[in-house]
Amino acid sequence: ISLHVVFVLEAAAFALQLRGGSAETERAVERGLAYLASRQKEQGHWGTHHYYHGKYGYTAIGKTGLAMLAFMGAGHTHKSDTQYSQNVRGAIDFLLGVQDEATGHFSYTASYSHGIATYALAECYALTQDPRLRGPLQRAVAQILSQQNTTRDRRLFGGWGYYYSDERTYDQWPRASITAWQVMALESARL
């Protein structure tokens, strides 16, 4: 068992003791992870890769980031050599495979999915220090920073809308939920 896994297990035990939880809640987490693992596609993503939603673009990107966060929250990374390491590895391979080299944008998707995928990669990099993730993470962060609304209109300044300016439709109106995902990704990358 790796030192990383020991640390995560100790941290989980401490969190359960401090914040509450039980064997029943841990079984629920395990059932949730097993379900997620059973729904992952062979190409490493969740959802239908080629399904295009009129508002959110390719939603498999955001779903994959969220699933990665769930596995990592339970101590599973692509480097942990644990039950769900392969699932996280597949998710990383998928996300890196759809990322545009030039812009850092994760395929043709809304800013929701880009922020979630960036957040997942940042957390994974923090946990593993895998050098393969550094460049893609830096490009994803640069994309977020380049798309922040910097207009002088105080109603718009500082946030992010549904779409980045390089997408099919530019949404100048910042949204609190979308901005929150971008900030979480940026903060995780900063740490």
C-alpha atoms as a PDB file:
ATOM      1  CA  ILE A   1       0.000   0.000   0.000  1.00  0.00           C
ATOM      2  CA  SER A   2       1.433   3.386  -0.971  1.00  0.00           C
ATOM      3  CA  LEU A   3       2.203   6.225   1.425  1.00  0.00           C
ATOM      4  CA  HIS A   4      -0.381   8.343  -0.419  1.00  0.00           C
ATOM      5  CA  VAL A   5      -3.123   5.771   0.260  1.00  0.00           C
ATOM      6  CA  VAL A   6      -2.151   5.539   3.942  1.00  0.00           C
ATOM      7  CA  PHE A   7      -2.346   9.329   4.233  1.00  0.00           C
ATOM      8  CA  VAL A   8      -5.754   9.460   2.514  1.00  0.00           C
ATOM      9  CA  LEU A   9      -7.149   6.653   4.693  1.00  0.00           C
ATOM     10  CA  GLU A  10      -5.901   8.369   7.856  1.00  0.00           C
ATOM     11  CA  ALA A  11      -7.343  11.703   6.710  1.00  0.00           C
ATOM     12  CA  ALA A  12     -10.681  10.030   5.931  1.00  0.00           C
ATOM     13  CA  ALA A  13     -10.808   8.391   9.346  1.00  0.00           C
ATOM     14  CA  PHE A  14     -10.047  11.716  11.014  1.00  0.00           C
ATOM     15  CA  ALA A  15     -12.717  13.515   8.942  1.00  0.00           C
ATOM     16  CA  LEU A  16     -15.299  10.874   9.869  1.00  0.00           C
ATOM     17  CA  GLN A  17     -14.443  11.252  13.527  1.00  0.00           C
ATOM     18  CA  LEU A  18     -14.489  15.055  13.394  1.00  0.00           C
ATOM     19  CA  ARG A  19     -17.501  15.664  11.132  1.00  0.00           C
ATOM     20  CA  GLY A  20     -19.540  12.540  11.563  1.00  0.00           C
ATOM     21  CA  GLY A  21     -20.116   9.529   9.424  1.00  0.00           C
ATOM     22  CA  SER A  22     -20.470   5.862   9.940  1.00  0.00           C
ATOM     23  CA  ALA A  23     -19.862   2.507   8.380  1.00  0.00           C
ATOM     24  CA  GLU A  24     -23.209   3.015   6.652  1.00  0.00           C
ATOM     25  CA  THR A  25     -22.164   6.315   5.057  1.00  0.00           C
ATOM     26  CA  GLU A  26     -18.874   4.756   3.957  1.00  0.00           C
ATOM     27  CA  ARG A  27     -20.794   1.869   2.352  1.00  0.00           C
ATOM     28  CA  ALA A  28     -22.954   4.439   0.551  1.00  0.00           C
ATOM     29  CA  VAL A  29     -19.824   6.133  -0.816  1.00  0.00           C
ATOM     30  CA  GLU A  30     -18.464   2.776  -1.954  1.00  0.00           C
ATOM     31  CA  ARG A  31     -21.758   1.922  -3.686  1.00  0.00           C
ATOM     32  CA  GLY A  32     -21.699   5.326  -5.389  1.00  0.00           C
ATOM     33  CA  LEU A  33     -18.158   4.789  -6.646  1.00  0.00           C
ATOM     34  CA  ALA A  34     -19.013   1.290  -7.858  1.00  0.00           C
ATOM     35  CA  TYR A  35     -21.964   2.735  -9.760  1.00  0.00           C
ATOM     36  CA  LEU A  36     -19.809   5.441 -11.329  1.00  0.00           C
ATOM     37  CA  ALA A  37     -17.201   2.870 -12.316  1.00  0.00           C
ATOM     38  CA  SER A  38     -19.897   0.743 -13.965  1.00  0.00           C
ATOM     39  CA  ARG A  39     -21.074   3.721 -16.046  1.00  0.00           C
ATOM     40  CA  GLN A  40     -17.675   4.810 -17.359  1.00  0.00           C
ATOM     41  CA  LYS A  41     -17.264   4.337 -21.093  1.00  0.00           C
ATOM     42  CA  GLU A  42     -14.340   2.460 -22.601  1.00  0.00           C
ATOM     43  CA  GLN A  43     -12.835   5.746 -23.848  1.00  0.00           C
ATOM     44  CA  GLY A  44     -12.630   6.985 -20.225  1.00  0.00           C
ATOM     45  CA  HIS A  45     -15.554   9.391 -20.072  1.00  0.00           C
ATOM     46  CA  TRP A  46     -18.998   9.460 -18.522  1.00  0.00           C
ATOM     47  CA  GLY A  47     -22.049  10.349 -20.557  1.00  0.00           C
ATOM     48  CA  THR A  48     -22.242  10.167 -24.309  1.00  0.00           C
ATOM     49  CA  HIS A  49     -19.092  11.667 -25.799  1.00  0.00           C
ATOM     50  CA  HIS A  50     -20.702  12.805 -29.028  1.00  0.00           C
ATOM     51  CA  TYR A  51     -23.921  14.071 -27.423  1.00  0.00           C
ATOM     52  CA  TYR A  52     -24.101  17.796 -28.021  1.00  0.00           C
ATOM     53  CA  HIS A  53     -26.409  19.834 -25.808  1.00  0.00           C
ATOM     54  CA  GLY A  54     -27.569  23.102 -27.335  1.00  0.00           C
ATOM     55  CA  LYS A  55     -26.687  25.101 -24.227  1.00  0.00           C
ATOM     56  CA  TYR A  56     -23.844  23.165 -22.599  1.00  0.00           C
ATOM     57  CA  GLY A  57     -22.021  21.657 -25.579  1.00  0.00           C
ATOM     58  CA  TYR A  58     -20.343  18.285 -25.029  1.00  0.00           C
ATOM     59  CA  THR A  59     -21.448  17.457 -21.494  1.00  0.00           C
ATOM     60  CA  ALA A  60     -19.274  14.347 -21.181  1.00  0.00           C
ATOM     61  CA  ILE A  61     -16.363  16.641 -20.298  1.00  0.00           C
ATOM     62  CA  GLY A  62     -18.005  18.080 -17.188  1.00  0.00           C
ATOM     63  CA  LYS A  63     -19.422  14.707 -16.178  1.00  0.00           C
ATOM     64  CA  THR A  64     -15.965  13.174 -16.456  1.00  0.00           C
ATOM     65  CA  GLY A  65     -14.469  15.906 -14.275  1.00  0.00           C
ATOM     66  CA  LEU A  66     -17.166  15.418 -11.627  1.00  0.00           C
ATOM     67  CA  ALA A  67     -16.652  11.649 -11.567  1.00  0.00           C
ATOM     68  CA  MET A  68     -12.888  12.143 -11.240  1.00  0.00           C
ATOM     69  CA  LEU A  69     -13.468  14.412  -8.246  1.00  0.00           C
ATOM     70  CA  ALA A  70     -15.639  11.745  -6.592  1.00  0.00           C
ATOM     71  CA  PHE A  71     -12.978   9.056  -6.999  1.00  0.00           C
ATOM     72  CA  MET A  72     -10.181  11.336  -5.845  1.00  0.00           C
ATOM     73  CA  GLY A  73     -12.224  12.450  -2.845  1.00  0.00           C
ATOM     74  CA  ALA A  74     -12.227   8.808  -1.747  1.00  0.00           C
ATOM     75  CA  GLY A  75      -8.459   8.514  -2.210  1.00  0.00           C
ATOM     76  CA  HIS A  76      -8.260   7.035  -5.699  1.00  0.00           C
ATOM     77  CA  THR A  77      -5.865   8.581  -8.198  1.00  0.00           C
ATOM     78  CA  HIS A  78      -4.231   7.194 -11.298  1.00  0.00           C
ATOM     79  CA  LYS A  79      -1.070   6.751  -9.202  1.00  0.00           C
ATOM     80  CA  SER A  80      -2.602   5.287  -6.013  1.00  0.00           C
ATOM     81  CA  ASP A  81      -2.688   1.673  -7.206  1.00  0.00           C
ATOM     82  CA  THR A  82      -6.144   1.252  -5.670  1.00  0.00           C
ATOM     83  CA  GLN A  83      -9.423  -0.240  -6.826  1.00  0.00           C
ATOM     84  CA  TYR A  84     -10.414   2.741  -9.005  1.00  0.00           C
ATOM     85  CA  SER A  85      -6.999   3.902 -10.251  1.00  0.00           C
ATOM     86  CA  GLN A  86      -7.807   2.714 -13.775  1.00  0.00           C
ATOM     87  CA  ASN A  87     -11.024   4.732 -13.785  1.00  0.00           C
ATOM     88  CA  VAL A  88      -9.169   7.925 -12.920  1.00  0.00           C
ATOM     89  CA  ARG A  89      -6.456   7.119 -15.470  1.00  0.00           C
ATOM     90  CA  GLY A  90      -9.099   6.668 -18.170  1.00  0.00           C
ATOM     91  CA  ALA A  91     -10.737   9.969 -17.253  1.00  0.00           C
ATOM     92  CA  ILE A  92      -7.421  11.810 -17.433  1.00  0.00           C
ATOM     93  CA  ASP A  93      -6.609  10.258 -20.805  1.00  0.00           C
ATOM     94  CA  PHE A  94     -10.015  11.301 -22.137  1.00  0.00           C
ATOM     95  CA  LEU A  95      -9.738  14.898 -20.902  1.00  0.00           C
ATOM     96  CA  LEU A  96      -6.213  15.344 -22.199  1.00  0.00           C
ATOM     97  CA  GLY A  97      -7.295  13.809 -25.500  1.00  0.00           C
ATOM     98  CA  VAL A  98     -10.049  16.386 -26.085  1.00  0.00           C
ATOM     99  CA  GLN A  99      -8.099  19.423 -24.883  1.00  0.00           C
ATOM    100  CA  ASP A 100      -7.134  21.891 -27.597  1.00  0.00           C
ATOM    101  CA  GLU A 101      -3.339  22.287 -27.529  1.00  0.00           C
ATOM    102  CA  ALA A 102      -3.419  25.942 -28.564  1.00  0.00           C
ATOM    103  CA  THR A 103      -6.159  27.312 -26.307  1.00  0.00           C
ATOM    104  CA  GLY A 104      -6.295  24.798 -23.462  1.00  0.00           C
ATOM    105  CA  HIS A 105     -10.069  24.565 -23.922  1.00  0.00           C
ATOM    106  CA  PHE A 106     -11.599  21.142 -23.358  1.00  0.00           C
ATOM    107  CA  SER A 107     -13.299  20.515 -26.685  1.00  0.00           C
ATOM    108  CA  TYR A 108     -16.500  22.235 -27.708  1.00  0.00           C
ATOM    109  CA  THR A 109     -18.147  22.669 -24.349  1.00  0.00           C
ATOM    110  CA  ALA A 110     -19.537  25.389 -22.134  1.00  0.00           C
ATOM    111  CA  SER A 111     -17.474  27.078 -19.456  1.00  0.00           C
ATOM    112  CA  TYR A 112     -19.177  24.913 -16.817  1.00  0.00           C
ATOM    113  CA  SER A 113     -17.502  21.791 -18.152  1.00  0.00           C
ATOM    114  CA  HIS A 114     -14.171  23.518 -18.730  1.00  0.00           C
ATOM    115  CA  GLY A 115     -14.077  24.786 -15.139  1.00  0.00           C
ATOM    116  CA  ILE A 116     -15.025  21.389 -13.718  1.00  0.00           C
ATOM    117  CA  ALA A 117     -12.436  19.547 -15.848  1.00  0.00           C
ATOM    118  CA  THR A 118      -9.750  22.076 -14.884  1.00  0.00           C
ATOM    119  CA  TYR A 119     -10.650  21.723 -11.210  1.00  0.00           C
ATOM    120  CA  ALA A 120     -10.386  17.920 -11.457  1.00  0.00           C
ATOM    121  CA  LEU A 121      -6.978  18.096 -13.152  1.00  0.00           C
ATOM    122  CA  ALA A 122      -5.739  20.619 -10.579  1.00  0.00           C
ATOM    123  CA  GLU A 123      -6.795  18.375  -7.705  1.00  0.00           C
ATOM    124  CA  CYS A 124      -5.198  15.373  -9.384  1.00  0.00           C
ATOM    125  CA  TYR A 125      -1.964  17.274  -9.939  1.00  0.00           C
ATOM    126  CA  ALA A 126      -1.958  18.398  -6.295  1.00  0.00           C
ATOM    127  CA  LEU A 127      -2.390  14.822  -5.109  1.00  0.00           C
ATOM    128  CA  THR A 128       0.112  13.179  -7.442  1.00  0.00           C
ATOM    129  CA  GLN A 129       2.514  15.828  -8.776  1.00  0.00           C
ATOM    130  CA  ASP A 130       2.350  13.945 -12.091  1.00  0.00           C
ATOM    131  CA  PRO A 131       4.421  16.075 -14.507  1.00  0.00           C
ATOM    132  CA  ARG A 132       2.242  14.925 -17.433  1.00  0.00           C
ATOM    133  CA  LEU A 133      -0.618  17.017 -15.997  1.00  0.00           C
ATOM    134  CA  ARG A 134       1.298  20.267 -15.483  1.00  0.00           C
ATOM    135  CA  GLY A 135       1.262  21.594 -19.071  1.00  0.00           C
ATOM    136  CA  PRO A 136      -2.389  20.732 -19.781  1.00  0.00           C
ATOM    137  CA  LEU A 137      -3.376  22.230 -16.421  1.00  0.00           C
ATOM    138  CA  GLN A 138      -1.471  25.439 -17.151  1.00  0.00           C
ATOM    139  CA  ARG A 139      -3.188  25.735 -20.550  1.00  0.00           C
ATOM    140  CA  ALA A 140      -6.621  25.089 -19.006  1.00  0.00           C
ATOM    141  CA  VAL A 141      -5.995  27.762 -16.349  1.00  0.00           C
ATOM    142  CA  ALA A 142      -4.799  30.222 -18.998  1.00  0.00           C
ATOM    143  CA  GLN A 143      -8.049  29.634 -20.888  1.00  0.00           C
ATOM    144  CA  ILE A 144     -10.081  30.450 -17.783  1.00  0.00           C
ATOM    145  CA  LEU A 145      -8.081  33.596 -17.100  1.00  0.00           C
ATOM    146  CA  SER A 146      -8.323  34.780 -20.697  1.00  0.00           C
ATOM    147  CA  GLN A 147     -12.096  34.448 -20.650  1.00  0.00           C
ATOM    148  CA  GLN A 148     -12.881  36.372 -17.479  1.00  0.00           C
ATOM    149  CA  ASN A 149     -15.121  39.339 -18.174  1.00  0.00           C
ATOM    150  CA  THR A 150     -13.010  42.498 -17.886  1.00  0.00           C
ATOM    151  CA  THR A 151     -15.480  45.041 -19.191  1.00  0.00           C
ATOM    152  CA  ARG A 152     -15.800  48.300 -17.283  1.00  0.00           C
ATOM    153  CA  ASP A 153     -19.487  47.646 -16.703  1.00  0.00           C
ATOM    154  CA  ARG A 154     -19.614  46.800 -12.996  1.00  0.00           C
ATOM    155  CA  ARG A 155     -22.575  44.457 -13.584  1.00  0.00           C
ATOM    156  CA  LEU A 156     -20.350  42.261 -15.726  1.00  0.00           C
ATOM    157  CA  PHE A 157     -16.820  42.744 -14.438  1.00  0.00           C
ATOM    158  CA  GLY A 158     -14.955  39.775 -12.973  1.00  0.00           C
ATOM    159  CA  GLY A 159     -17.248  36.878 -13.752  1.00  0.00           C
ATOM    160  CA  TRP A 160     -17.718  34.216 -16.403  1.00  0.00           C
ATOM    161  CA  GLY A 161     -20.778  33.414 -18.528  1.00  0.00           C
ATOM    162  CA  TYR A 162     -22.013  30.161 -20.032  1.00  0.00           C
ATOM    163  CA  TYR A 163     -19.716  30.407 -23.020  1.00  0.00           C
ATOM    164  CA  TYR A 164     -16.213  31.678 -23.571  1.00  0.00           C
ATOM    165  CA  SER A 165     -15.684  34.324 -26.234  1.00  0.00           C
ATOM    166  CA  ASP A 166     -14.079  31.758 -28.560  1.00  0.00           C
ATOM    167  CA  GLU A 167     -17.213  29.613 -28.619  1.00  0.00           C
ATOM    168  CA  ARG A 168     -20.341  29.441 -30.747  1.00  0.00           C
ATOM    169  CA  THR A 169     -22.157  32.092 -28.733  1.00  0.00           C
ATOM    170  CA  TYR A 170     -20.594  34.574 -26.397  1.00  0.00           C
ATOM    171  CA  ASP A 171     -22.502  35.126 -23.175  1.00  0.00           C
ATOM    172  CA  GLN A 172     -21.370  38.387 -21.614  1.00  0.00           C
ATOM    173  CA  TRP A 173     -23.528  37.981 -18.506  1.00  0.00           C
ATOM    174  CA  PRO A 174     -21.606  36.454 -15.595  1.00  0.00           C
ATOM    175  CA  ARG A 175     -23.359  33.654 -13.729  1.00  0.00           C
ATOM    176  CA  ALA A 176     -22.673  32.927 -10.069  1.00  0.00           C
ATOM    177  CA  SER A 177     -22.593  29.135 -10.449  1.00  0.00           C
ATOM    178  CA  ILE A 178     -20.290  29.214 -13.473  1.00  0.00           C
ATOM    179  CA  THR A 179     -18.025  31.781 -11.867  1.00  0.00           C
ATOM    180  CA  ALA A 180     -17.829  29.586  -8.753  1.00  0.00           C
ATOM    181  CA  TRP A 181     -16.509  26.631 -10.813  1.00  0.00           C
ATOM    182  CA  GLN A 182     -13.896  28.848 -12.453  1.00  0.00           C
ATOM    183  CA  VAL A 183     -12.781  30.235  -9.081  1.00  0.00           C
ATOM    184  CA  MET A 184     -12.606  26.737  -7.572  1.00  0.00           C
ATOM    185  CA  ALA A 185     -10.439  25.580 -10.489  1.00  0.00           C
ATOM    186  CA  LEU A 186      -8.176  28.617 -10.190  1.00  0.00           C
ATOM    187  CA  GLU A 187      -7.828  28.274  -6.432  1.00  0.00           C
ATOM    188  CA  SER A 188      -7.043  24.571  -6.662  1.00  0.00           C
ATOM    189  CA  ALA A 189      -4.445  25.257  -9.352  1.00  0.00           C
ATOM    190  CA  ARG A 190      -2.929  28.050  -7.244  1.00  0.00           C
ATOM    191  CA  LEU A 191      -2.579  25.747  -4.252  1.00  0.00           C
END
